[in-house]
Amino acid sequence: MNFQMSVDYIGYVYALTIAVGGMIGFLTKGSLTSCFMGLGVGCISGFAAYRSSQEEKNWGLSLLVSVCLTALMGYRFISSWKFMPSGLVAGFSLIMVLRYGYRALNQEKKKDK
């Protein structure tokens, strides 16, 4: 039997959300930093979703990106108390941290069996 890992659609949606958010930041506020960082992190996250779609145990890059965004945008949210965009990105990133953390823990449990 040949089992194949399903596509990481949630990871792709996360990557697209980050990239589109960066472009929206540029279009609404003229922020080049938002544009470049959003597109850059979105591309890295998209690549990470592609890797985790190819092999279930390739969750490390996805976890790293989501942890970094949770910390950065969480800090910005706490500093400003503005939900858009920092609170939204921090919340979405935290969900991704929990998702990939759960995947990592399950992988460790499978090794122990």
PDB file of N, CA and C in Angstrom:
ATOM      1  N   MET A   1       0.842  -1.183   0.000  1.00  0.00           N
ATOM      2  CA  MET A   1       0.000   0.000   0.000  1.00  0.00           C
ATOM      3  C   MET A   1       0.885   1.243   0.000  1.00  0.00           C
ATOM      4  N   ASN A   2       0.458   2.239  -0.731  1.00  0.00           N
ATOM      5  CA  ASN A   2       1.192   3.490  -0.809  1.00  0.00           C
ATOM      6  C   ASN A   2       0.301   4.610  -0.285  1.00  0.00           C
ATOM      7  N   PHE A   3       0.630   5.118   0.903  1.00  0.00           N
ATOM      8  CA  PHE A   3      -0.131   6.210   1.493  1.00  0.00           C
ATOM      9  C   PHE A   3       0.592   7.511   1.229  1.00  0.00           C
ATOM     10  N   GLN A   4      -0.174   8.554   0.910  1.00  0.00           N
ATOM     11  CA  GLN A   4       0.420   9.844   0.626  1.00  0.00           C
ATOM     12  C   GLN A   4      -0.176  10.872   1.576  1.00  0.00           C
ATOM     13  N   MET A   5       0.673  11.766   2.074  1.00  0.00           N
ATOM     14  CA  MET A   5       0.224  12.830   2.955  1.00  0.00           C
ATOM     15  C   MET A   5      -0.666  13.787   2.177  1.00  0.00           C
ATOM     16  N   SER A   6      -1.728  14.238   2.806  1.00  0.00           N
ATOM     17  CA  SER A   6      -2.614  15.175   2.134  1.00  0.00           C
ATOM     18  C   SER A   6      -1.968  16.554   2.046  1.00  0.00           C
ATOM     19  N   VAL A   7      -2.496  17.364   1.185  1.00  0.00           N
ATOM     20  CA  VAL A   7      -1.978  18.710   0.967  1.00  0.00           C
ATOM     21  C   VAL A   7      -2.255  19.566   2.201  1.00  0.00           C
ATOM     22  N   ASP A   8      -1.292  20.380   2.583  1.00  0.00           N
ATOM     23  CA  ASP A   8      -1.406  21.256   3.748  1.00  0.00           C
ATOM     24  C   ASP A   8      -2.151  22.536   3.351  1.00  0.00           C
ATOM     25  N   TYR A   9      -3.448  22.404   3.116  1.00  0.00           N
ATOM     26  CA  TYR A   9      -4.248  23.540   2.678  1.00  0.00           C
ATOM     27  C   TYR A   9      -4.241  24.677   3.700  1.00  0.00           C
ATOM     28  N   ILE A  10      -4.289  24.323   4.971  1.00  0.00           N
ATOM     29  CA  ILE A  10      -4.295  25.350   6.015  1.00  0.00           C
ATOM     30  C   ILE A  10      -2.988  26.136   5.982  1.00  0.00           C
ATOM     31  N   GLY A  11      -1.874  25.449   5.764  1.00  0.00           N
ATOM     32  CA  GLY A  11      -0.589  26.123   5.652  1.00  0.00           C
ATOM     33  C   GLY A  11      -0.524  27.059   4.457  1.00  0.00           C
ATOM     34  N   TYR A  12      -1.108  26.632   3.337  1.00  0.00           N
ATOM     35  CA  TYR A  12      -1.148  27.489   2.148  1.00  0.00           C
ATOM     36  C   TYR A  12      -2.035  28.714   2.367  1.00  0.00           C
ATOM     37  N   VAL A  13      -3.161  28.539   3.037  1.00  0.00           N
ATOM     38  CA  VAL A  13      -4.042  29.666   3.334  1.00  0.00           C
ATOM     39  C   VAL A  13      -3.326  30.654   4.258  1.00  0.00           C
ATOM     40  N   TYR A  14      -2.614  30.136   5.237  1.00  0.00           N
ATOM     41  CA  TYR A  14      -1.832  30.978   6.153  1.00  0.00           C
ATOM     42  C   TYR A  14      -0.797  31.786   5.363  1.00  0.00           C
ATOM     43  N   ALA A  15      -0.059  31.138   4.478  1.00  0.00           N
ATOM     44  CA  ALA A  15       0.958  31.815   3.676  1.00  0.00           C
ATOM     45  C   ALA A  15       0.325  32.895   2.804  1.00  0.00           C
ATOM     46  N   LEU A  16      -0.782  32.576   2.171  1.00  0.00           N
ATOM     47  CA  LEU A  16      -1.461  33.539   1.313  1.00  0.00           C
ATOM     48  C   LEU A  16      -1.985  34.720   2.120  1.00  0.00           C
ATOM     49  N   THR A  17      -2.500  34.455   3.297  1.00  0.00           N
ATOM     50  CA  THR A  17      -3.007  35.521   4.163  1.00  0.00           C
ATOM     51  C   THR A  17      -1.893  36.490   4.543  1.00  0.00           C
ATOM     52  N   ILE A  18      -0.734  35.954   4.889  1.00  0.00           N
ATOM     53  CA  ILE A  18       0.402  36.802   5.262  1.00  0.00           C
ATOM     54  C   ILE A  18       0.848  37.635   4.065  1.00  0.00           C
ATOM     55  N   ALA A  19       0.965  37.019   2.899  1.00  0.00           N
ATOM     56  CA  ALA A  19       1.416  37.733   1.699  1.00  0.00           C
ATOM     57  C   ALA A  19       0.415  38.817   1.296  1.00  0.00           C
ATOM     58  N   VAL A  20      -0.856  38.490   1.278  1.00  0.00           N
ATOM     59  CA  VAL A  20      -1.888  39.468   0.910  1.00  0.00           C
ATOM     60  C   VAL A  20      -1.946  40.587   1.943  1.00  0.00           C
ATOM     61  N   GLY A  21      -1.776  40.250   3.197  1.00  0.00           N
ATOM     62  CA  GLY A  21      -1.754  41.269   4.242  1.00  0.00           C
ATOM     63  C   GLY A  21      -0.629  42.269   4.051  1.00  0.00           C
ATOM     64  N   GLY A  22       0.524  41.789   3.643  1.00  0.00           N
ATOM     65  CA  GLY A  22       1.638  42.692   3.357  1.00  0.00           C
ATOM     66  C   GLY A  22       1.334  43.625   2.203  1.00  0.00           C
ATOM     67  N   MET A  23       0.702  43.080   1.171  1.00  0.00           N
ATOM     68  CA  MET A  23       0.334  43.919   0.022  1.00  0.00           C
ATOM     69  C   MET A  23      -0.735  44.941   0.402  1.00  0.00           C
ATOM     70  N   ILE A  24      -1.679  44.540   1.232  1.00  0.00           N
ATOM     71  CA  ILE A  24      -2.712  45.474   1.686  1.00  0.00           C
ATOM     72  C   ILE A  24      -2.084  46.581   2.526  1.00  0.00           C
ATOM     73  N   GLY A  25      -1.104  46.228   3.366  1.00  0.00           N
ATOM     74  CA  GLY A  25      -0.400  47.233   4.154  1.00  0.00           C
ATOM     75  C   GLY A  25       0.287  48.263   3.273  1.00  0.00           C
ATOM     76  N   PHE A  26       0.836  47.803   2.169  1.00  0.00           N
ATOM     77  CA  PHE A  26       1.463  48.731   1.226  1.00  0.00           C
ATOM     78  C   PHE A  26       0.424  49.599   0.532  1.00  0.00           C
ATOM     79  N   LEU A  27      -0.669  48.995   0.079  1.00  0.00           N
ATOM     80  CA  LEU A  27      -1.673  49.742  -0.670  1.00  0.00           C
ATOM     81  C   LEU A  27      -2.410  50.767   0.198  1.00  0.00           C
ATOM     82  N   THR A  28      -2.644  50.432   1.464  1.00  0.00           N
ATOM     83  CA  THR A  28      -3.413  51.341   2.320  1.00  0.00           C
ATOM     84  C   THR A  28      -2.540  52.370   3.025  1.00  0.00           C
ATOM     85  N   LYS A  29      -1.351  51.975   3.453  1.00  0.00           N
ATOM     86  CA  LYS A  29      -0.493  52.870   4.232  1.00  0.00           C
ATOM     87  C   LYS A  29       0.786  53.272   3.505  1.00  0.00           C
ATOM     88  N   GLY A  30       1.045  52.643   2.366  1.00  0.00           N
ATOM     89  CA  GLY A  30       2.272  52.944   1.631  1.00  0.00           C
ATOM     90  C   GLY A  30       3.518  52.367   2.288  1.00  0.00           C
ATOM     91  N   SER A  31       3.351  51.345   3.099  1.00  0.00           N
ATOM     92  CA  SER A  31       4.457  50.760   3.848  1.00  0.00           C
ATOM     93  C   SER A  31       5.204  49.713   3.014  1.00  0.00           C
ATOM     94  N   LEU A  32       6.400  50.077   2.571  1.00  0.00           N
ATOM     95  CA  LEU A  32       7.224  49.114   1.834  1.00  0.00           C
ATOM     96  C   LEU A  32       7.677  47.969   2.733  1.00  0.00           C
ATOM     97  N   THR A  33       7.893  48.262   4.010  1.00  0.00           N
ATOM     98  CA  THR A  33       8.301  47.219   4.950  1.00  0.00           C
ATOM     99  C   THR A  33       7.223  46.146   5.049  1.00  0.00           C
ATOM    100  N   SER A  34       5.974  46.571   5.160  1.00  0.00           N
ATOM    101  CA  SER A  34       4.867  45.604   5.212  1.00  0.00           C
ATOM    102  C   SER A  34       4.824  44.766   3.949  1.00  0.00           C
ATOM    103  N   CYS A  35       5.017  45.414   2.822  1.00  0.00           N
ATOM    104  CA  CYS A  35       4.969  44.705   1.544  1.00  0.00           C
ATOM    105  C   CYS A  35       6.076  43.659   1.448  1.00  0.00           C
ATOM    106  N   PHE A  36       7.310  44.081   1.683  1.00  0.00           N
ATOM    107  CA  PHE A  36       8.438  43.156   1.549  1.00  0.00           C
ATOM    108  C   PHE A  36       8.415  42.052   2.597  1.00  0.00           C
ATOM    109  N   MET A  37       8.110  42.413   3.831  1.00  0.00           N
ATOM    110  CA  MET A  37       8.075  41.393   4.881  1.00  0.00           C
ATOM    111  C   MET A  37       6.882  40.448   4.681  1.00  0.00           C
ATOM    112  N   GLY A  38       5.744  40.980   4.322  1.00  0.00           N
ATOM    113  CA  GLY A  38       4.579  40.133   4.088  1.00  0.00           C
ATOM    114  C   GLY A  38       4.807  39.164   2.944  1.00  0.00           C
ATOM    115  N   LEU A  39       5.338  39.690   1.838  1.00  0.00           N
ATOM    116  CA  LEU A  39       5.607  38.811   0.700  1.00  0.00           C
ATOM    117  C   LEU A  39       6.710  37.813   1.014  1.00  0.00           C
ATOM    118  N   GLY A  40       7.757  38.275   1.697  1.00  0.00           N
ATOM    119  CA  GLY A  40       8.868  37.377   2.035  1.00  0.00           C
ATOM    120  C   GLY A  40       8.458  36.257   2.971  1.00  0.00           C
ATOM    121  N   VAL A  41       7.800  36.629   4.056  1.00  0.00           N
ATOM    122  CA  VAL A  41       7.363  35.624   5.031  1.00  0.00           C
ATOM    123  C   VAL A  41       6.269  34.745   4.428  1.00  0.00           C
ATOM    124  N   GLY A  42       5.413  35.331   3.603  1.00  0.00           N
ATOM    125  CA  GLY A  42       4.388  34.538   2.926  1.00  0.00           C
ATOM    126  C   GLY A  42       4.997  33.492   2.000  1.00  0.00           C
ATOM    127  N   CYS A  43       6.041  33.885   1.270  1.00  0.00           N
ATOM    128  CA  CYS A  43       6.726  32.929   0.380  1.00  0.00           C
ATOM    129  C   CYS A  43       7.411  31.822   1.177  1.00  0.00           C
ATOM    130  N   ILE A  44       8.084  32.197   2.248  1.00  0.00           N
ATOM    131  CA  ILE A  44       8.747  31.191   3.093  1.00  0.00           C
ATOM    132  C   ILE A  44       7.704  30.237   3.686  1.00  0.00           C
ATOM    133  N   SER A  45       6.596  30.809   4.145  1.00  0.00           N
ATOM    134  CA  SER A  45       5.541  29.975   4.723  1.00  0.00           C
ATOM    135  C   SER A  45       4.896  29.083   3.664  1.00  0.00           C
ATOM    136  N   GLY A  46       4.758  29.587   2.458  1.00  0.00           N
ATOM    137  CA  GLY A  46       4.233  28.769   1.365  1.00  0.00           C
ATOM    138  C   GLY A  46       5.160  27.610   1.033  1.00  0.00           C
ATOM    139  N   PHE A  47       6.466  27.889   1.027  1.00  0.00           N
ATOM    140  CA  PHE A  47       7.448  26.830   0.805  1.00  0.00           C
ATOM    141  C   PHE A  47       7.387  25.798   1.935  1.00  0.00           C
ATOM    142  N   ALA A  48       7.218  26.281   3.162  1.00  0.00           N
ATOM    143  CA  ALA A  48       7.101  25.371   4.302  1.00  0.00           C
ATOM    144  C   ALA A  48       5.858  24.501   4.195  1.00  0.00           C
ATOM    145  N   ALA A  49       4.749  25.092   3.720  1.00  0.00           N
ATOM    146  CA  ALA A  49       3.524  24.306   3.527  1.00  0.00           C
ATOM    147  C   ALA A  49       3.724  23.264   2.433  1.00  0.00           C
ATOM    148  N   TYR A  50       4.457  23.633   1.390  1.00  0.00           N
ATOM    149  CA  TYR A  50       4.768  22.676   0.325  1.00  0.00           C
ATOM    150  C   TYR A  50       5.589  21.510   0.881  1.00  0.00           C
ATOM    151  N   ARG A  51       6.594  21.823   1.704  1.00  0.00           N
ATOM    152  CA  ARG A  51       7.434  20.771   2.289  1.00  0.00           C
ATOM    153  C   ARG A  51       6.622  19.855   3.202  1.00  0.00           C
ATOM    154  N   SER A  52       5.746  20.444   4.016  1.00  0.00           N
ATOM    155  CA  SER A  52       4.954  19.601   4.914  1.00  0.00           C
ATOM    156  C   SER A  52       3.889  18.814   4.147  1.00  0.00           C
ATOM    157  N   SER A  53       3.527  19.286   2.964  1.00  0.00           N
ATOM    158  CA  SER A  53       2.619  18.507   2.124  1.00  0.00           C
ATOM    159  C   SER A  53       3.331  17.307   1.519  1.00  0.00           C
ATOM    160  N   GLN A  54       4.616  17.448   1.237  1.00  0.00           N
ATOM    161  CA  GLN A  54       5.384  16.369   0.634  1.00  0.00           C
ATOM    162  C   GLN A  54       5.729  15.277   1.643  1.00  0.00           C
ATOM    163  N   GLU A  55       6.029  15.695   2.862  1.00  0.00           N
ATOM    164  CA  GLU A  55       6.460  14.748   3.899  1.00  0.00           C
ATOM    165  C   GLU A  55       5.918  15.230   5.241  1.00  0.00           C
ATOM    166  N   GLU A  56       5.179  14.384   5.920  1.00  0.00           N
ATOM    167  CA  GLU A  56       4.523  14.758   7.174  1.00  0.00           C
ATOM    168  C   GLU A  56       5.497  15.269   8.237  1.00  0.00           C
ATOM    169  N   LYS A  57       6.707  14.747   8.250  1.00  0.00           N
ATOM    170  CA  LYS A  57       7.651  15.143   9.298  1.00  0.00           C
ATOM    171  C   LYS A  57       8.411  16.429   8.984  1.00  0.00           C
ATOM    172  N   ASN A  58       8.107  17.097   7.893  1.00  0.00           N
ATOM    173  CA  ASN A  58       8.734  18.367   7.555  1.00  0.00           C
ATOM    174  C   ASN A  58       7.932  19.546   8.108  1.00  0.00           C
ATOM    175  N   TRP A  59       7.661  19.556   9.371  1.00  0.00           N
ATOM    176  CA  TRP A  59       6.878  20.596  10.003  1.00  0.00           C
ATOM    177  C   TRP A  59       7.749  21.679  10.635  1.00  0.00           C
ATOM    178  N   GLY A  60       9.052  21.495  10.673  1.00  0.00           N
ATOM    179  CA  GLY A  60       9.946  22.397  11.402  1.00  0.00           C
ATOM    180  C   GLY A  60       9.943  23.828  10.900  1.00  0.00           C
ATOM    181  N   LEU A  61      10.062  24.029   9.598  1.00  0.00           N
ATOM    182  CA  LEU A  61      10.084  25.392   9.054  1.00  0.00           C
ATOM    183  C   LEU A  61       8.739  26.086   9.274  1.00  0.00           C
ATOM    184  N   SER A  62       7.669  25.355   9.118  1.00  0.00           N
ATOM    185  CA  SER A  62       6.335  25.927   9.353  1.00  0.00           C
ATOM    186  C   SER A  62       6.186  26.371  10.807  1.00  0.00           C
ATOM    187  N   LEU A  63       6.664  25.544  11.708  1.00  0.00           N
ATOM    188  CA  LEU A  63       6.603  25.886  13.129  1.00  0.00           C
ATOM    189  C   LEU A  63       7.468  27.102  13.428  1.00  0.00           C
ATOM    190  N   LEU A  64       8.660  27.166  12.872  1.00  0.00           N
ATOM    191  CA  LEU A  64       9.561  28.291  13.100  1.00  0.00           C
ATOM    192  C   LEU A  64       8.953  29.603  12.613  1.00  0.00           C
ATOM    193  N   VAL A  65       8.404  29.613  11.415  1.00  0.00           N
ATOM    194  CA  VAL A  65       7.792  30.830  10.865  1.00  0.00           C
ATOM    195  C   VAL A  65       6.632  31.284  11.743  1.00  0.00           C
ATOM    196  N   SER A  66       5.775  30.363  12.134  1.00  0.00           N
ATOM    197  CA  SER A  66       4.605  30.745  12.923  1.00  0.00           C
ATOM    198  C   SER A  66       4.990  31.191  14.338  1.00  0.00           C
ATOM    199  N   VAL A  67       6.029  30.593  14.924  1.00  0.00           N
ATOM    200  CA  VAL A  67       6.499  31.040  16.245  1.00  0.00           C
ATOM    201  C   VAL A  67       7.044  32.463  16.145  1.00  0.00           C
ATOM    202  N   CYS A  68       7.850  32.724  15.128  1.00  0.00           N
ATOM    203  CA  CYS A  68       8.420  34.068  14.953  1.00  0.00           C
ATOM    204  C   CYS A  68       7.328  35.112  14.748  1.00  0.00           C
ATOM    205  N   LEU A  69       6.351  34.807  13.919  1.00  0.00           N
ATOM    206  CA  LEU A  69       5.271  35.772  13.689  1.00  0.00           C
ATOM    207  C   LEU A  69       4.393  35.947  14.924  1.00  0.00           C
ATOM    208  N   THR A  70       4.174  34.883  15.667  1.00  0.00           N
ATOM    209  CA  THR A  70       3.400  35.001  16.908  1.00  0.00           C
ATOM    210  C   THR A  70       4.104  35.940  17.881  1.00  0.00           C
ATOM    211  N   ALA A  71       5.412  35.766  18.042  1.00  0.00           N
ATOM    212  CA  ALA A  71       6.174  36.598  18.970  1.00  0.00           C
ATOM    213  C   ALA A  71       6.214  38.058  18.500  1.00  0.00           C
ATOM    214  N   LEU A  72       6.550  38.282  17.240  1.00  0.00           N
ATOM    215  CA  LEU A  72       6.681  39.646  16.730  1.00  0.00           C
ATOM    216  C   LEU A  72       5.345  40.379  16.725  1.00  0.00           C
ATOM    217  N   MET A  73       4.348  39.763  16.141  1.00  0.00           N
ATOM    218  CA  MET A  73       3.066  40.444  16.044  1.00  0.00           C
ATOM    219  C   MET A  73       2.332  40.483  17.391  1.00  0.00           C
ATOM    220  N   GLY A  74       2.577  39.498  18.234  1.00  0.00           N
ATOM    221  CA  GLY A  74       2.031  39.545  19.589  1.00  0.00           C
ATOM    222  C   GLY A  74       2.604  40.715  20.378  1.00  0.00           C
ATOM    223  N   TYR A  75       3.900  40.948  20.235  1.00  0.00           N
ATOM    224  CA  TYR A  75       4.549  42.091  20.880  1.00  0.00           C
ATOM    225  C   TYR A  75       3.970  43.407  20.360  1.00  0.00           C
ATOM    226  N   ARG A  76       3.790  43.488  19.038  1.00  0.00           N
ATOM    227  CA  ARG A  76       3.231  44.707  18.448  1.00  0.00           C
ATOM    228  C   ARG A  76       1.785  44.929  18.897  1.00  0.00           C
ATOM    229  N   PHE A  77       1.022  43.844  19.030  1.00  0.00           N
ATOM    230  CA  PHE A  77      -0.357  43.966  19.495  1.00  0.00           C
ATOM    231  C   PHE A  77      -0.402  44.455  20.936  1.00  0.00           C
ATOM    232  N   ILE A  78       0.424  43.892  21.788  1.00  0.00           N
ATOM    233  CA  ILE A  78       0.441  44.291  23.200  1.00  0.00           C
ATOM    234  C   ILE A  78       0.907  45.738  23.351  1.00  0.00           C
ATOM    235  N   SER A  79       1.823  46.159  22.484  1.00  0.00           N
ATOM    236  CA  SER A  79       2.314  47.540  22.540  1.00  0.00           C
ATOM    237  C   SER A  79       1.261  48.555  22.101  1.00  0.00           C
ATOM    238  N   SER A  80       0.468  48.203  21.096  1.00  0.00           N
ATOM    239  CA  SER A  80      -0.464  49.178  20.530  1.00  0.00           C
ATOM    240  C   SER A  80      -1.934  48.915  20.871  1.00  0.00           C
ATOM    241  N   TRP A  81      -2.276  47.696  21.206  1.00  0.00           N
ATOM    242  CA  TRP A  81      -3.645  47.236  21.424  1.00  0.00           C
ATOM    243  C   TRP A  81      -4.529  47.476  20.203  1.00  0.00           C
ATOM    244  N   LYS A  82      -3.920  47.457  19.020  1.00  0.00           N
ATOM    245  CA  LYS A  82      -4.678  47.549  17.774  1.00  0.00           C
ATOM    246  C   LYS A  82      -4.795  46.149  17.191  1.00  0.00           C
ATOM    247  N   PHE A  83      -6.028  45.711  17.000  1.00  0.00           N
ATOM    248  CA  PHE A  83      -6.242  44.352  16.517  1.00  0.00           C
ATOM    249  C   PHE A  83      -5.778  44.170  15.081  1.00  0.00           C
ATOM    250  N   MET A  84      -5.976  45.181  14.241  1.00  0.00           N
ATOM    251  CA  MET A  84      -5.576  45.081  12.837  1.00  0.00           C
ATOM    252  C   MET A  84      -4.269  45.801  12.614  1.00  0.00           C
ATOM    253  N   PRO A  85      -3.310  45.192  12.042  1.00  0.00           N
ATOM    254  CA  PRO A  85      -3.224  43.803  11.622  1.00  0.00           C
ATOM    255  C   PRO A  85      -2.539  42.905  12.642  1.00  0.00           C
ATOM    256  N   SER A  86      -1.867  43.534  13.641  1.00  0.00           N
ATOM    257  CA  SER A  86      -0.997  42.747  14.517  1.00  0.00           C
ATOM    258  C   SER A  86      -1.751  41.704  15.339  1.00  0.00           C
ATOM    259  N   GLY A  87      -2.898  42.028  15.886  1.00  0.00           N
ATOM    260  CA  GLY A  87      -3.650  41.073  16.686  1.00  0.00           C
ATOM    261  C   GLY A  87      -4.166  39.908  15.859  1.00  0.00           C
ATOM    262  N   LEU A  88      -4.624  40.209  14.656  1.00  0.00           N
ATOM    263  CA  LEU A  88      -5.127  39.166  13.771  1.00  0.00           C
ATOM    264  C   LEU A  88      -4.010  38.203  13.358  1.00  0.00           C
ATOM    265  N   VAL A  89      -2.875  38.754  12.957  1.00  0.00           N
ATOM    266  CA  VAL A  89      -1.752  37.908  12.534  1.00  0.00           C
ATOM    267  C   VAL A  89      -1.206  37.113  13.720  1.00  0.00           C
ATOM    268  N   ALA A  90      -1.126  37.746  14.886  1.00  0.00           N
ATOM    269  CA  ALA A  90      -0.647  37.031  16.077  1.00  0.00           C
ATOM    270  C   ALA A  90      -1.582  35.878  16.435  1.00  0.00           C
ATOM    271  N   GLY A  91      -2.877  36.108  16.358  1.00  0.00           N
ATOM    272  CA  GLY A  91      -3.837  35.048  16.666  1.00  0.00           C
ATOM    273  C   GLY A  91      -3.785  33.905  15.672  1.00  0.00           C
ATOM    274  N   PHE A  92      -3.743  34.250  14.391  1.00  0.00           N
ATOM    275  CA  PHE A  92      -3.666  33.231  13.351  1.00  0.00           C
ATOM    276  C   PHE A  92      -2.353  32.457  13.469  1.00  0.00           C
ATOM    277  N   SER A  93      -1.268  33.163  13.770  1.00  0.00           N
ATOM    278  CA  SER A  93       0.032  32.510  13.920  1.00  0.00           C
ATOM    279  C   SER A  93       0.051  31.588  15.128  1.00  0.00           C
ATOM    280  N   LEU A  94      -0.601  31.995  16.216  1.00  0.00           N
ATOM    281  CA  LEU A  94      -0.669  31.143  17.402  1.00  0.00           C
ATOM    282  C   LEU A  94      -1.430  29.856  17.102  1.00  0.00           C
ATOM    283  N   ILE A  95      -2.485  29.956  16.324  1.00  0.00           N
ATOM    284  CA  ILE A  95      -3.214  28.754  15.916  1.00  0.00           C
ATOM    285  C   ILE A  95      -2.295  27.828  15.127  1.00  0.00           C
ATOM    286  N   MET A  96      -1.469  28.403  14.249  1.00  0.00           N
ATOM    287  CA  MET A  96      -0.537  27.591  13.462  1.00  0.00           C
ATOM    288  C   MET A  96       0.540  26.972  14.353  1.00  0.00           C
ATOM    289  N   VAL A  97       1.001  27.693  15.368  1.00  0.00           N
ATOM    290  CA  VAL A  97       1.968  27.125  16.323  1.00  0.00           C
ATOM    291  C   VAL A  97       1.364  25.914  17.006  1.00  0.00           C
ATOM    292  N   LEU A  98       0.120  26.039  17.452  1.00  0.00           N
ATOM    293  CA  LEU A  98      -0.543  24.915  18.114  1.00  0.00           C
ATOM    294  C   LEU A  98      -0.731  23.745  17.152  1.00  0.00           C
ATOM    295  N   ARG A  99      -1.064  24.047  15.912  1.00  0.00           N
ATOM    296  CA  ARG A  99      -1.271  22.998  14.904  1.00  0.00           C
ATOM    297  C   ARG A  99       0.012  22.224  14.629  1.00  0.00           C
ATOM    298  N   TYR A 100       1.093  22.944  14.356  1.00  0.00           N
ATOM    299  CA  TYR A 100       2.352  22.260  14.052  1.00  0.00           C
ATOM    300  C   TYR A 100       2.988  21.661  15.304  1.00  0.00           C
ATOM    301  N   GLY A 101       2.743  22.273  16.454  1.00  0.00           N
ATOM    302  CA  GLY A 101       3.208  21.673  17.702  1.00  0.00           C
ATOM    303  C   GLY A 101       2.520  20.351  17.972  1.00  0.00           C
ATOM    304  N   TYR A 102       1.225  20.299  17.694  1.00  0.00           N
ATOM    305  CA  TYR A 102       0.470  19.052  17.839  1.00  0.00           C
ATOM    306  C   TYR A 102       1.014  17.994  16.888  1.00  0.00           C
ATOM    307  N   ARG A 103       1.314  18.404  15.663  1.00  0.00           N
ATOM    308  CA  ARG A 103       1.873  17.469  14.684  1.00  0.00           C
ATOM    309  C   ARG A 103       3.226  16.935  15.176  1.00  0.00           C
ATOM    310  N   ALA A 104       4.037  17.819  15.753  1.00  0.00           N
ATOM    311  CA  ALA A 104       5.348  17.408  16.253  1.00  0.00           C
ATOM    312  C   ALA A 104       5.212  16.414  17.405  1.00  0.00           C
ATOM    313  N   LEU A 105       4.289  16.684  18.323  1.00  0.00           N
ATOM    314  CA  LEU A 105       4.088  15.776  19.453  1.00  0.00           C
ATOM    315  C   LEU A 105       3.574  14.422  18.998  1.00  0.00           C
ATOM    316  N   ASN A 106       2.660  14.418  18.040  1.00  0.00           N
ATOM    317  CA  ASN A 106       2.157  13.143  17.511  1.00  0.00           C
ATOM    318  C   ASN A 106       3.241  12.357  16.809  1.00  0.00           C
ATOM    319  N   GLN A 107       4.126  13.050  16.137  1.00  0.00           N
ATOM    320  CA  GLN A 107       5.243  12.362  15.463  1.00  0.00           C
ATOM    321  C   GLN A 107       6.157  11.698  16.487  1.00  0.00           C
ATOM    322  N   GLU A 108       6.385  12.370  17.614  1.00  0.00           N
ATOM    323  CA  GLU A 108       7.213  11.778  18.669  1.00  0.00           C
ATOM    324  C   GLU A 108       6.539  10.556  19.263  1.00  0.00           C
ATOM    325  N   LYS A 109       5.226  10.605  19.422  1.00  0.00           N
ATOM    326  CA  LYS A 109       4.489   9.464  19.966  1.00  0.00           C
ATOM    327  C   LYS A 109       4.566   8.276  19.023  1.00  0.00           C
ATOM    328  N   LYS A 110       4.531   8.545  17.718  1.00  0.00           N
ATOM    329  CA  LYS A 110       4.620   7.473  16.735  1.00  0.00           C
ATOM    330  C   LYS A 110       5.996   6.819  16.779  1.00  0.00           C
ATOM    331  N   LYS A 111       7.034   7.596  17.065  1.00  0.00           N
ATOM    332  CA  LYS A 111       8.390   7.039  17.158  1.00  0.00           C
ATOM    333  C   LYS A 111       8.505   6.102  18.352  1.00  0.00           C
ATOM    334  N   ASP A 112       7.839   6.468  19.457  1.00  0.00           N
ATOM    335  CA  ASP A 112       7.947   5.670  20.666  1.00  0.00           C
ATOM    336  C   ASP A 112       7.267   4.318  20.542  1.00  0.00           C
ATOM    337  N   LYS A 113       6.305   4.182  19.663  1.00  0.00           N
ATOM    338  CA  LYS A 113       5.565   2.918  19.527  1.00  0.00           C
ATOM    339  C   LYS A 113       6.325   1.897  18.767  1.00  0.00           C
TER     340      LYS A 113
END
